[in-house]
C-alpha atoms as a PDB file:
ATOM      1  CA  MET A   1      -4.375   3.420 -31.922  1.00  0.00           C
ATOM      2  CA  LEU A   2      -3.435   4.402 -28.355  1.00  0.00           C
ATOM      3  CA  LEU A   3      -5.288   2.394 -25.777  1.00  0.00           C
ATOM      4  CA  VAL A   4      -8.246   4.331 -24.383  1.00  0.00           C
ATOM      5  CA  LEU A   5      -7.144   3.188 -20.945  1.00  0.00           C
ATOM      6  CA  GLY A   6      -4.798   6.178 -20.979  1.00  0.00           C
ATOM      7  CA  LEU A   7      -7.677   8.460 -20.038  1.00  0.00           C
ATOM      8  CA  LEU A   8      -8.488   6.225 -17.090  1.00  0.00           C
ATOM      9  CA  GLY A   9      -4.901   5.747 -16.008  1.00  0.00           C
ATOM     10  CA  CYS A  10      -4.260   9.484 -15.851  1.00  0.00           C
ATOM     11  CA  ALA A  11      -7.339  10.268 -13.785  1.00  0.00           C
ATOM     12  CA  SER A  12      -6.813  10.975 -10.113  1.00  0.00           C
ATOM     13  CA  GLY A  13      -6.419   7.795  -8.099  1.00  0.00           C
ATOM     14  CA  ARG A  14      -6.629   5.499 -11.142  1.00  0.00           C
ATOM     15  CA  PRO A  15      -4.151   2.640 -11.748  1.00  0.00           C
ATOM     16  CA  ARG A  16      -1.346   3.637 -14.122  1.00  0.00           C
ATOM     17  CA  ALA A  17      -0.201   0.051 -14.729  1.00  0.00           C
ATOM     18  CA  ALA A  18      -1.316  -3.540 -14.216  1.00  0.00           C
ATOM     19  CA  LEU A  19       0.551  -6.636 -13.019  1.00  0.00           C
ATOM     20  CA  GLY A  20       0.313 -10.088 -14.545  1.00  0.00           C
ATOM     21  CA  TRP A  21       2.065 -12.916 -16.396  1.00  0.00           C
ATOM     22  CA  SER A  22       3.028 -13.833 -19.939  1.00  0.00           C
ATOM     23  CA  LEU A  23       1.561 -17.007 -21.372  1.00  0.00           C
ATOM     24  CA  GLY A  24       1.973 -18.484 -24.862  1.00  0.00           C
ATOM     25  CA  GLY A  25       2.280 -15.309 -26.955  1.00  0.00           C
ATOM     26  CA  GLU A  26      -0.050 -13.367 -24.661  1.00  0.00           C
ATOM     27  CA  ALA A  27       0.047 -11.450 -21.428  1.00  0.00           C
ATOM     28  CA  HIS A  28      -2.745 -11.531 -18.855  1.00  0.00           C
ATOM     29  CA  VAL A  29      -2.778  -8.544 -16.499  1.00  0.00           C
ATOM     30  CA  PHE A  30      -5.235  -7.669 -13.747  1.00  0.00           C
ATOM     31  CA  VAL A  31      -6.666  -4.560 -12.088  1.00  0.00           C
ATOM     32  CA  ALA A  32      -8.601  -5.054  -8.847  1.00  0.00           C
ATOM     33  CA  ASP A  33     -10.595  -1.820  -8.691  1.00  0.00           C
ATOM     34  CA  ASP A  34     -14.361  -1.337  -8.883  1.00  0.00           C
ATOM     35  CA  ARG A  35     -14.322   2.152 -10.369  1.00  0.00           C
ATOM     36  CA  PHE A  36     -11.735   1.234 -12.999  1.00  0.00           C
ATOM     37  CA  ALA A  37     -13.864  -1.765 -14.016  1.00  0.00           C
ATOM     38  CA  ARG A  38     -17.063   0.296 -14.322  1.00  0.00           C
ATOM     39  CA  ASP A  39     -15.387   3.098 -16.314  1.00  0.00           C
ATOM     40  CA  PHE A  40     -13.549   0.756 -18.667  1.00  0.00           C
ATOM     41  CA  TYR A  41     -16.654  -1.360 -19.273  1.00  0.00           C
ATOM     42  CA  ARG A  42     -18.521   1.816 -20.202  1.00  0.00           C
ATOM     43  CA  GLN A  43     -15.736   2.821 -22.614  1.00  0.00           C
ATOM     44  CA  LEU A  44     -15.719  -0.551 -24.328  1.00  0.00           C
ATOM     45  CA  THR A  45     -19.465  -1.124 -24.587  1.00  0.00           C
ATOM     46  CA  HIS A  46     -21.022   2.355 -24.325  1.00  0.00           C
ATOM     47  CA  LYS A  47     -23.386   0.780 -21.790  1.00  0.00           C
ATOM     48  CA  ARG A  48     -23.870   2.356 -18.420  1.00  0.00           C
ATOM     49  CA  ASP A  49     -23.834  -0.272 -15.729  1.00  0.00           C
ATOM     50  CA  LEU A  50     -21.389  -3.148 -15.368  1.00  0.00           C
ATOM     51  CA  MET A  51     -23.194  -4.223 -12.196  1.00  0.00           C
ATOM     52  CA  ASP A  52     -26.329  -4.942 -14.240  1.00  0.00           C
ATOM     53  CA  ALA A  53     -24.277  -7.053 -16.660  1.00  0.00           C
ATOM     54  CA  LEU A  54     -22.718  -9.014 -13.775  1.00  0.00           C
ATOM     55  CA  ALA A  55     -26.038  -9.632 -11.992  1.00  0.00           C
ATOM     56  CA  GLY A  56     -26.267 -13.386 -11.404  1.00  0.00           C
ATOM     57  CA  ARG A  57     -22.993 -13.985 -13.289  1.00  0.00           C
ATOM     58  CA  LEU A  58     -19.378 -14.525 -12.270  1.00  0.00           C
ATOM     59  CA  LEU A  59     -17.843 -13.189 -15.482  1.00  0.00           C
ATOM     60  CA  VAL A  60     -18.563 -10.791 -18.337  1.00  0.00           C
ATOM     61  CA  ALA A  61     -16.264 -10.911 -21.382  1.00  0.00           C
ATOM     62  CA  VAL A  62     -16.004  -8.072 -23.919  1.00  0.00           C
ATOM     63  CA  ASP A  63     -14.319  -8.211 -27.330  1.00  0.00           C
ATOM     64  CA  PRO A  64     -12.833  -4.693 -27.771  1.00  0.00           C
ATOM     65  CA  ARG A  65     -13.283  -2.777 -31.000  1.00  0.00           C
ATOM     66  CA  ASN A  66     -10.165  -1.996 -33.078  1.00  0.00           C
ATOM     67  CA  ASN A  67      -7.851  -3.999 -30.758  1.00  0.00           C
ATOM     68  CA  PRO A  68      -6.099  -0.987 -29.167  1.00  0.00           C
ATOM     69  CA  SER A  69      -2.390  -1.217 -28.272  1.00  0.00           C
ATOM     70  CA  LEU A  70      -0.238  -0.655 -25.198  1.00  0.00           C
ATOM     71  CA  THR A  71       3.187  -1.601 -23.831  1.00  0.00           C
ATOM     72  CA  VAL A  72       4.115  -4.646 -21.759  1.00  0.00           C
ATOM     73  CA  LEU A  73       7.286  -4.491 -19.645  1.00  0.00           C
ATOM     74  CA  SER A  74       9.216  -7.562 -18.524  1.00  0.00           C
ATOM     75  CA  ALA A  75      12.772  -8.559 -17.627  1.00  0.00           C
ATOM     76  CA  ASN A  76      13.326  -8.837 -21.417  1.00  0.00           C
ATOM     77  CA  GLY A  77      12.446  -5.170 -22.004  1.00  0.00           C
ATOM     78  CA  ALA A  78       9.385  -3.518 -23.550  1.00  0.00           C
ATOM     79  CA  ALA A  79       7.078  -4.988 -26.206  1.00  0.00           C
ATOM     80  CA  PRO A  80       3.900  -3.664 -27.834  1.00  0.00           C
ATOM     81  CA  ALA A  81       0.755  -5.742 -27.459  1.00  0.00           C
ATOM     82  CA  ARG A  82      -2.876  -5.501 -28.572  1.00  0.00           C
ATOM     83  CA  LEU A  83      -5.878  -5.861 -26.318  1.00  0.00           C
ATOM     84  CA  THR A  84      -7.847  -8.840 -27.626  1.00  0.00           C
ATOM     85  CA  LEU A  85     -10.236  -9.482 -24.743  1.00  0.00           C
ATOM     86  CA  ALA A  86     -11.384  -7.863 -21.510  1.00  0.00           C
ATOM     87  CA  ARG A  87     -12.865 -10.024 -18.772  1.00  0.00           C
ATOM     88  CA  PHE A  88     -14.710  -8.537 -15.816  1.00  0.00           C
ATOM     89  CA  HIS A  89     -14.721 -10.921 -12.849  1.00  0.00           C
ATOM     90  CA  ALA A  90     -17.369 -10.378 -10.174  1.00  0.00           C
ATOM     91  CA  ALA A  91     -16.273  -9.397  -6.678  1.00  0.00           C
ATOM     92  CA  GLN A  92     -14.959 -12.343  -4.601  1.00  0.00           C
ATOM     93  CA  THR A  93     -14.467 -14.491  -7.731  1.00  0.00           C
ATOM     94  CA  CYS A  94     -10.701 -13.913  -7.801  1.00  0.00           C
ATOM     95  CA  SER A  95     -10.180 -13.879  -4.011  1.00  0.00           C
ATOM     96  CA  SER A  96     -10.607 -10.110  -4.158  1.00  0.00           C
ATOM     97  CA  PRO A  97     -13.414  -8.106  -2.533  1.00  0.00           C
ATOM     98  CA  THR A  98     -13.570  -5.895  -5.636  1.00  0.00           C
ATOM     99  CA  ILE A  99     -14.368  -6.473  -9.307  1.00  0.00           C
ATOM    100  CA  VAL A 100     -11.235  -7.630 -11.154  1.00  0.00           C
ATOM    101  CA  THR A 101     -10.594  -6.521 -14.741  1.00  0.00           C
ATOM    102  CA  GLU A 102      -8.472  -8.997 -16.706  1.00  0.00           C
ATOM    103  CA  LEU A 103      -6.838  -7.701 -19.898  1.00  0.00           C
ATOM    104  CA  VAL A 104      -5.711 -10.306 -22.440  1.00  0.00           C
ATOM    105  CA  LEU A 105      -2.900  -8.820 -24.543  1.00  0.00           C
ATOM    106  CA  ALA A 106      -1.496 -10.449 -27.684  1.00  0.00           C
ATOM    107  CA  PHE A 107       2.102  -9.872 -28.795  1.00  0.00           C
ATOM    108  CA  PRO A 108       2.884  -9.494 -32.527  1.00  0.00           C
ATOM    109  CA  PRO A 109       3.286 -12.923 -34.194  1.00  0.00           C
ATOM    110  CA  GLY A 110       6.580 -14.275 -35.430  1.00  0.00           C
ATOM    111  CA  GLY A 111       8.752 -12.285 -33.040  1.00  0.00           C
ATOM    112  CA  ALA A 112       7.742  -8.963 -34.596  1.00  0.00           C
ATOM    113  CA  GLY A 113       7.615  -7.474 -31.099  1.00  0.00           C
ATOM    114  CA  GLY A 114      11.415  -7.663 -30.893  1.00  0.00           C
ATOM    115  CA  HIS A 115      13.666  -8.860 -28.104  1.00  0.00           C
ATOM    116  CA  GLY A 116      11.394  -7.264 -25.522  1.00  0.00           C
ATOM    117  CA  THR A 117       8.697  -9.921 -26.019  1.00  0.00           C
ATOM    118  CA  PRO A 118       8.709 -12.128 -22.895  1.00  0.00           C
ATOM    119  CA  PRO A 119       8.642 -15.930 -22.956  1.00  0.00           C
ATOM    120  CA  SER A 120       5.861 -17.741 -21.117  1.00  0.00           C
ATOM    121  CA  HIS A 121       5.505 -17.627 -17.342  1.00  0.00           C
ATOM    122  CA  MET A 122       7.366 -14.354 -16.827  1.00  0.00           C
ATOM    123  CA  PRO A 123       5.984 -11.564 -14.601  1.00  0.00           C
ATOM    124  CA  VAL A 124       4.965  -8.478 -16.597  1.00  0.00           C
ATOM    125  CA  VAL A 125       3.749  -4.927 -16.047  1.00  0.00           C
ATOM    126  CA  ALA A 126       1.400  -3.378 -18.628  1.00  0.00           C
ATOM    127  CA  LEU A 127       1.438   0.426 -18.880  1.00  0.00           C
ATOM    128  CA  LEU A 128      -2.083   1.878 -19.035  1.00  0.00           C
ATOM    129  CA  ASP A 129      -1.209   5.506 -19.754  1.00  0.00           C
ATOM    130  CA  ALA A 130       1.661   5.462 -22.290  1.00  0.00           C
ATOM    131  CA  ALA A 131       1.938   5.127 -26.059  1.00  0.00           C
ATOM    132  CA  PRO A 132       3.127   1.673 -27.185  1.00  0.00           C
ATOM    133  CA  PHE A 133       6.864   1.226 -27.699  1.00  0.00           C
ATOM    134  CA  ALA A 134       9.468  -1.542 -27.926  1.00  0.00           C
ATOM    135  CA  GLY A 135      12.978  -1.938 -26.590  1.00  0.00           C
ATOM    136  CA  GLY A 136      15.405  -4.419 -25.070  1.00  0.00           C
ATOM    137  CA  ALA A 137      16.311  -4.582 -21.402  1.00  0.00           C
ATOM    138  CA  GLY A 138      19.865  -3.390 -21.992  1.00  0.00           C
ATOM    139  CA  ARG A 139      23.004  -4.635 -20.316  1.00  0.00           C
ATOM    140  CA  LEU A 140      22.676  -5.691 -16.661  1.00  0.00           C
ATOM    141  CA  ARG A 141      25.245  -5.991 -13.896  1.00  0.00           C
ATOM    142  CA  PRO A 142      26.824  -9.451 -13.727  1.00  0.00           C
ATOM    143  CA  ARG A 143      25.176 -11.973 -11.461  1.00  0.00           C
ATOM    144  CA  LEU A 144      26.900 -12.208  -8.088  1.00  0.00           C
ATOM    145  CA  ALA A 145      28.332 -15.460  -6.784  1.00  0.00           C
ATOM    146  CA  THR A 146      26.233 -16.957  -3.996  1.00  0.00           C
ATOM    147  CA  ALA A 147      28.696 -16.043  -1.241  1.00  0.00           C
ATOM    148  CA  ASP A 148      28.987 -12.470  -2.541  1.00  0.00           C
ATOM    149  CA  ALA A 149      25.203 -12.134  -2.814  1.00  0.00           C
ATOM    150  CA  MET A 150      24.680 -13.377   0.751  1.00  0.00           C
ATOM    151  CA  ALA A 151      27.347 -10.973   1.997  1.00  0.00           C
ATOM    152  CA  LEU A 152      25.644  -8.069   0.195  1.00  0.00           C
ATOM    153  CA  VAL A 153      22.269  -8.911   1.754  1.00  0.00           C
ATOM    154  CA  ARG A 154      23.935  -8.933   5.183  1.00  0.00           C
ATOM    155  CA  ARG A 155      25.671  -5.587   4.605  1.00  0.00           C
ATOM    156  CA  VAL A 156      22.388  -3.975   3.549  1.00  0.00           C
ATOM    157  CA  ALA A 157      20.597  -5.487   6.572  1.00  0.00           C
ATOM    158  CA  ASP A 158      23.325  -4.105   8.855  1.00  0.00           C
ATOM    159  CA  ARG A 159      22.892  -0.674   7.275  1.00  0.00           C
ATOM    160  CA  ALA A 160      19.152  -0.939   7.896  1.00  0.00           C
ATOM    161  CA  GLU A 161      19.750  -1.687  11.592  1.00  0.00           C
ATOM    162  CA  VAL A 162      21.757   1.537  11.861  1.00  0.00           C
ATOM    163  CA  ALA A 163      19.286   3.544   9.748  1.00  0.00           C
ATOM    164  CA  THR A 164      16.229   2.599  11.825  1.00  0.00           C
ATOM    165  CA  ARG A 165      15.633   4.292  15.155  1.00  0.00           C
ATOM    166  CA  GLY A 166      16.028   2.271  18.325  1.00  0.00           C
ATOM    167  CA  ARG A 167      18.556   0.498  20.479  1.00  0.00           C
ATOM    168  CA  THR A 168      21.512  -1.307  19.003  1.00  0.00           C
ATOM    169  CA  LEU A 169      20.653  -4.840  17.921  1.00  0.00           C
ATOM    170  CA  GLY A 170      22.724  -7.877  16.999  1.00  0.00           C
ATOM    171  CA  LEU A 171      22.050 -10.012  13.934  1.00  0.00           C
ATOM    172  CA  LEU A 172      20.542 -13.340  15.008  1.00  0.00           C
ATOM    173  CA  HIS A 173      21.217 -15.441  11.893  1.00  0.00           C
ATOM    174  CA  PRO A 174      23.120 -14.654   8.673  1.00  0.00           C
ATOM    175  CA  PRO A 175      20.519 -14.250   5.894  1.00  0.00           C
ATOM    176  CA  THR A 176      20.281 -16.849   3.154  1.00  0.00           C
ATOM    177  CA  LEU A 177      19.022 -16.315  -0.407  1.00  0.00           C
ATOM    178  CA  ASN A 178      15.356 -17.277  -0.555  1.00  0.00           C
ATOM    179  CA  ALA A 179      12.499 -14.997  -1.639  1.00  0.00           C
ATOM    180  CA  ASP A 180       9.944 -17.383  -0.063  1.00  0.00           C
ATOM    181  CA  GLN A 181      11.543 -17.515   3.379  1.00  0.00           C
ATOM    182  CA  ALA A 182       9.787 -15.345   5.964  1.00  0.00           C
ATOM    183  CA  ALA A 183      12.890 -14.379   7.962  1.00  0.00           C
ATOM    184  CA  ASP A 184      16.681 -14.595   7.905  1.00  0.00           C
ATOM    185  CA  ALA A 185      16.619 -14.311   4.121  1.00  0.00           C
ATOM    186  CA  GLY A 186      16.932 -11.919   1.221  1.00  0.00           C
ATOM    187  CA  GLU A 187      17.294 -11.710  -2.535  1.00  0.00           C
ATOM    188  CA  ILE A 188      19.396  -9.890  -5.136  1.00  0.00           C
ATOM    189  CA  VAL A 189      18.255  -8.677  -8.574  1.00  0.00           C
ATOM    190  CA  ALA A 190      20.819  -7.256 -11.016  1.00  0.00           C
ATOM    191  CA  LEU A 191      19.925  -3.901 -12.590  1.00  0.00           C
ATOM    192  CA  SER A 192      21.712  -1.871 -15.273  1.00  0.00           C
ATOM    193  CA  SER A 193      24.189  -0.169 -12.933  1.00  0.00           C
ATOM    194  CA  LEU A 194      23.322  -1.341  -9.401  1.00  0.00           C
ATOM    195  CA  TYR A 195      21.763  -4.262  -7.553  1.00  0.00           C
ATOM    196  CA  ALA A 196      18.327  -4.376  -5.942  1.00  0.00           C
ATOM    197  CA  VAL A 197      18.335  -6.033  -2.515  1.00  0.00           C
ATOM    198  CA  GLY A 198      15.348  -7.221  -0.516  1.00  0.00           C
ATOM    199  CA  PHE A 199      15.775  -8.593   3.002  1.00  0.00           C
ATOM    200  CA  ARG A 200      13.995  -9.901   6.107  1.00  0.00           C
ATOM    201  CA  ALA A 201      16.641 -10.095   8.849  1.00  0.00           C
ATOM    202  CA  THR A 202      16.120 -10.932  12.514  1.00  0.00           C
ATOM    203  CA  PHE A 203      18.009  -9.067  15.215  1.00  0.00           C
ATOM    204  CA  VAL A 204      18.067  -9.527  18.985  1.00  0.00           C
ATOM    205  CA  ALA A 205      18.665  -7.469  22.111  1.00  0.00           C
ATOM    206  CA  THR A 206      18.943  -8.615  25.723  1.00  0.00           C
ATOM    207  CA  VAL A 207      16.226  -6.942  27.821  1.00  0.00           C
ATOM    208  CA  ALA A 208      16.642  -8.891  31.079  1.00  0.00           C
ATOM    209  CA  GLU A 209      18.499 -11.860  32.464  1.00  0.00           C
ATOM    210  CA  ASN A 210      17.695 -14.887  30.297  1.00  0.00           C
ATOM    211  CA  LYS A 211      15.306 -12.819  28.167  1.00  0.00           C
ATOM    212  CA  ILE A 212      15.773 -11.377  24.704  1.00  0.00           C
ATOM    213  CA  ASP A 213      13.591  -9.414  22.312  1.00  0.00           C
ATOM    214  CA  THR A 214      13.568 -10.467  18.662  1.00  0.00           C
ATOM    215  CA  THR A 215      13.086  -7.825  15.988  1.00  0.00           C
ATOM    216  CA  LEU A 216      12.547  -8.229  12.261  1.00  0.00           C
ATOM    217  CA  ILE A 217      14.050  -5.534  10.042  1.00  0.00           C
ATOM    218  CA  THR A 218      12.798  -5.578   6.467  1.00  0.00           C
ATOM    219  CA  GLY A 219      13.084  -3.312   3.430  1.00  0.00           C
ATOM    220  CA  VAL A 220      14.316  -2.964  -0.148  1.00  0.00           C
ATOM    221  CA  ALA A 221      17.308  -1.004  -1.433  1.00  0.00           C
ATOM    222  CA  VAL A 222      19.332  -0.458  -4.587  1.00  0.00           C
ATOM    223  CA  THR A 223      23.070  -0.321  -4.098  1.00  0.00           C
ATOM    224  CA  ASP A 224      26.517  -1.000  -5.483  1.00  0.00           C
ATOM    225  CA  PRO A 225      28.329  -4.128  -4.204  1.00  0.00           C
ATOM    226  CA  ASP A 226      30.307  -2.052  -1.655  1.00  0.00           C
ATOM    227  CA  VAL A 227      27.144  -0.343  -0.297  1.00  0.00           C
ATOM    228  CA  ARG A 228      28.577   3.100  -0.996  1.00  0.00           C
ATOM    229  CA  GLU A 229      25.673   4.251  -3.183  1.00  0.00           C
ATOM    230  CA  LEU A 230      22.727   2.856  -1.215  1.00  0.00           C
ATOM    231  CA  HIS A 231      19.226   4.193  -1.924  1.00  0.00           C
ATOM    232  CA  TRP A 232      16.183   2.942  -0.007  1.00  0.00           C
ATOM    233  CA  VAL A 233      13.286   2.020  -2.290  1.00  0.00           C
ATOM    234  CA  VAL A 234      11.279   0.737   0.680  1.00  0.00           C
ATOM    235  CA  ARG A 235      12.627   2.321   3.843  1.00  0.00           C
ATOM    236  CA  PRO A 236      13.551  -0.291   6.453  1.00  0.00           C
ATOM    237  CA  GLN A 237      11.193  -0.980   9.326  1.00  0.00           C
ATOM    238  CA  ARG A 238      11.720  -2.515  12.747  1.00  0.00           C
ATOM    239  CA  LEU A 239       8.951  -4.983  13.656  1.00  0.00           C
ATOM    240  CA  ARG A 240       8.783  -6.843  16.948  1.00  0.00           C
ATOM    241  CA  LEU A 241       8.353 -10.605  16.551  1.00  0.00           C
ATOM    242  CA  HIS A 242       6.321 -12.859  18.824  1.00  0.00           C
ATOM    243  CA  ARG A 243       6.781 -16.587  18.182  1.00  0.00           C
ATOM    244  CA  GLY A 244       8.055 -15.803  14.706  1.00  0.00           C
ATOM    245  CA  MET A 245       5.065 -13.617  13.742  1.00  0.00           C
ATOM    246  CA  ILE A 246       4.940  -9.839  13.499  1.00  0.00           C
ATOM    247  CA  ALA A 247       3.402  -8.566  16.721  1.00  0.00           C
ATOM    248  CA  ALA A 248       0.472  -6.184  16.444  1.00  0.00           C
ATOM    249  CA  SER A 249       1.280  -2.557  17.260  1.00  0.00           C
ATOM    250  CA  ARG A 250      -0.617   0.685  17.648  1.00  0.00           C
ATOM    251  CA  SER A 251      -0.046   4.113  16.209  1.00  0.00           C
ATOM    252  CA  ALA A 252       0.265   7.285  18.299  1.00  0.00           C
ATOM    253  CA  ALA A 253      -3.474   7.790  17.723  1.00  0.00           C
ATOM    254  CA  GLY A 254      -4.217   4.378  19.235  1.00  0.00           C
ATOM    255  CA  THR A 255      -5.299   2.679  16.006  1.00  0.00           C
ATOM    256  CA  ALA A 256      -4.073  -0.808  15.110  1.00  0.00           C
ATOM    257  CA  ARG A 257      -1.106  -0.836  12.769  1.00  0.00           C
ATOM    258  CA  GLN A 258      -0.020  -3.878  10.791  1.00  0.00           C
ATOM    259  CA  GLY A 259       3.575  -4.401   9.738  1.00  0.00           C
ATOM    260  CA  VAL A 260       4.543  -6.241   6.567  1.00  0.00           C
ATOM    261  CA  ARG A 261       7.550  -8.164   5.314  1.00  0.00           C
ATOM    262  CA  TYR A 262       9.018  -7.197   1.940  1.00  0.00           C
ATOM    263  CA  SER A 263      10.147  -9.772  -0.611  1.00  0.00           C
ATOM    264  CA  LEU A 264      11.835  -8.748  -3.874  1.00  0.00           C
ATOM    265  CA  ARG A 265      10.489 -10.857  -6.753  1.00  0.00           C
ATOM    266  CA  GLY A 266      12.202  -9.328  -9.780  1.00  0.00           C
ATOM    267  CA  ALA A 267      12.451  -6.199 -11.902  1.00  0.00           C
ATOM    268  CA  VAL A 268      11.327  -4.884 -15.276  1.00  0.00           C
ATOM    269  CA  THR A 269      12.734  -2.043 -17.380  1.00  0.00           C
ATOM    270  CA  ASP A 270      10.527   1.048 -17.430  1.00  0.00           C
ATOM    271  CA  ALA A 271       9.804   3.526 -20.241  1.00  0.00           C
ATOM    272  CA  VAL A 272      12.918   5.638 -19.617  1.00  0.00           C
ATOM    273  CA  GLY A 273      15.386   2.821 -19.039  1.00  0.00           C
ATOM    274  CA  GLY A 274      15.022   2.732 -15.262  1.00  0.00           C
ATOM    275  CA  ALA A 275      13.737  -0.152 -13.186  1.00  0.00           C
ATOM    276  CA  LEU A 276      10.401  -1.104 -11.695  1.00  0.00           C
ATOM    277  CA  LEU A 277      10.926  -3.488  -8.792  1.00  0.00           C
ATOM    278  CA  LEU A 278       8.388  -6.268  -8.231  1.00  0.00           C
ATOM    279  CA  ILE A 279       7.911  -6.344  -4.474  1.00  0.00           C
ATOM    280  CA  ASP A 280       5.558  -8.475  -2.403  1.00  0.00           C
ATOM    281  CA  GLN A 281       4.195  -6.944   0.797  1.00  0.00           C
ATOM    282  CA  ILE A 282       3.377  -9.854   3.093  1.00  0.00           C
ATOM    283  CA  ALA A 283       1.083  -9.269   6.079  1.00  0.00           C
ATOM    284  CA  ASP A 284       1.271 -11.837   8.889  1.00  0.00           C
ATOM    285  CA  VAL A 285      -1.868 -10.862  10.784  1.00  0.00           C
ATOM    286  CA  SER A 286      -4.247 -10.520   7.834  1.00  0.00           C
ATOM    287  CA  PRO A 287      -3.037 -12.375   4.717  1.00  0.00           C
ATOM    288  CA  ARG A 288      -5.840 -10.787   2.655  1.00  0.00           C
ATOM    289  CA  ASP A 289      -4.010  -7.479   3.094  1.00  0.00           C
ATOM    290  CA  SER A 290      -0.851  -8.809   1.412  1.00  0.00           C
ATOM    291  CA  ARG A 291      -0.098  -7.077  -1.905  1.00  0.00           C
ATOM    292  CA  ALA A 292       1.989  -7.590  -5.038  1.00  0.00           C
ATOM    293  CA  THR A 293       3.399  -4.256  -6.203  1.00  0.00           C
ATOM    294  CA  ALA A 294       5.523  -2.650  -8.910  1.00  0.00           C
ATOM    295  CA  VAL A 295       7.617   0.184  -7.463  1.00  0.00           C
ATOM    296  CA  ASP A 296       9.691   2.762  -9.340  1.00  0.00           C
ATOM    297  CA  ALA A 297      13.219   2.245  -8.007  1.00  0.00           C
ATOM    298  CA  ALA A 298      14.172   5.916  -8.469  1.00  0.00           C
ATOM    299  CA  THR A 299      11.074   7.667  -7.097  1.00  0.00           C
ATOM    300  CA  ARG A 300       9.726   4.979  -4.693  1.00  0.00           C
ATOM    301  CA  ARG A 301       6.324   5.462  -6.325  1.00  0.00           C
ATOM    302  CA  VAL A 302       4.020   2.415  -6.423  1.00  0.00           C
ATOM    303  CA  ILE A 303       2.720   2.273 -10.000  1.00  0.00           C
ATOM    304  CA  ALA A 304       0.787  -0.995  -9.802  1.00  0.00           C
ATOM    305  CA  THR A 305      -0.671  -3.095  -7.012  1.00  0.00           C
ATOM    306  CA  GLN A 306      -2.997  -6.061  -6.616  1.00  0.00           C
ATOM    307  CA  PRO A 307      -3.922  -8.571  -3.901  1.00  0.00           C
ATOM    308  CA  LEU A 308      -1.117 -11.087  -3.489  1.00  0.00           C
ATOM    309  CA  ALA A 309      -3.677 -13.910  -3.297  1.00  0.00           C
ATOM    310  CA  LEU A 310      -5.367 -12.871  -6.555  1.00  0.00           C
ATOM    311  CA  ARG A 311      -6.399 -15.972  -8.517  1.00  0.00           C
ATOM    312  CA  CYS A 312      -8.979 -15.793 -11.307  1.00  0.00           C
ATOM    313  CA  PRO A 313     -10.662 -18.930 -12.685  1.00  0.00           C
END
């Protein structure tokens, strides 16, 4: 049975996928969206108002009928899974201002899900609008040596400096490999034919005697090791730094505009053998605006997003 979520996922503005983690033969994925929660609760229970059910409660759990199926993507590939439980967490319970729908998905026992079944503690993406299927991740590019990986991050950062508009800047520090480092760092993820590269590089320019401006350039690309076939998944941005933090800026209309740093956390294989990149968008000024996302490497389309600080009890 195809998961009834497909009708919701295809509707205008609805999530098409959900992010989460694998855990002991299951996957737990989350959608932070009030309308999705209300519509899905109505589908599962045939009752009208989730808000009534949540009144005075932090959590409503629903055992779905017929245990419908869907596909879970991970670095191992694709594996079918059955929905065994839906939990609806009240707004603010999971550090999110919206209701959070948690889907508990069980993989077939005994390895019947194939090589695509992820081990525990692996990031996953569950497809909400596709028929269930299984498949391995396929052959990936070889892992680069540390020195080669650091050199590739630097070459991509240098290309970003040229690609972004503005005066010529000089690299302040060679980037290291560290997805948790706010600046002067980057990361490499091997894909089937190319490498995904995330980076947060600082550049400087002299603006007056004994005074320099520091600029952060951040983005995500897929490329070959020689940077001949570079494709921007997240186009690079120049962001002025003030004491190591992204300085607030304003748009042409005068409204406040917040820049974000991009950190590449991994990749999963999508339904057609391409890659979905797992990218964190980290906001300095308002951490609540930071997001975890899954982005189609070929089309740049964000297919799943959730608050980066999402934590459900």
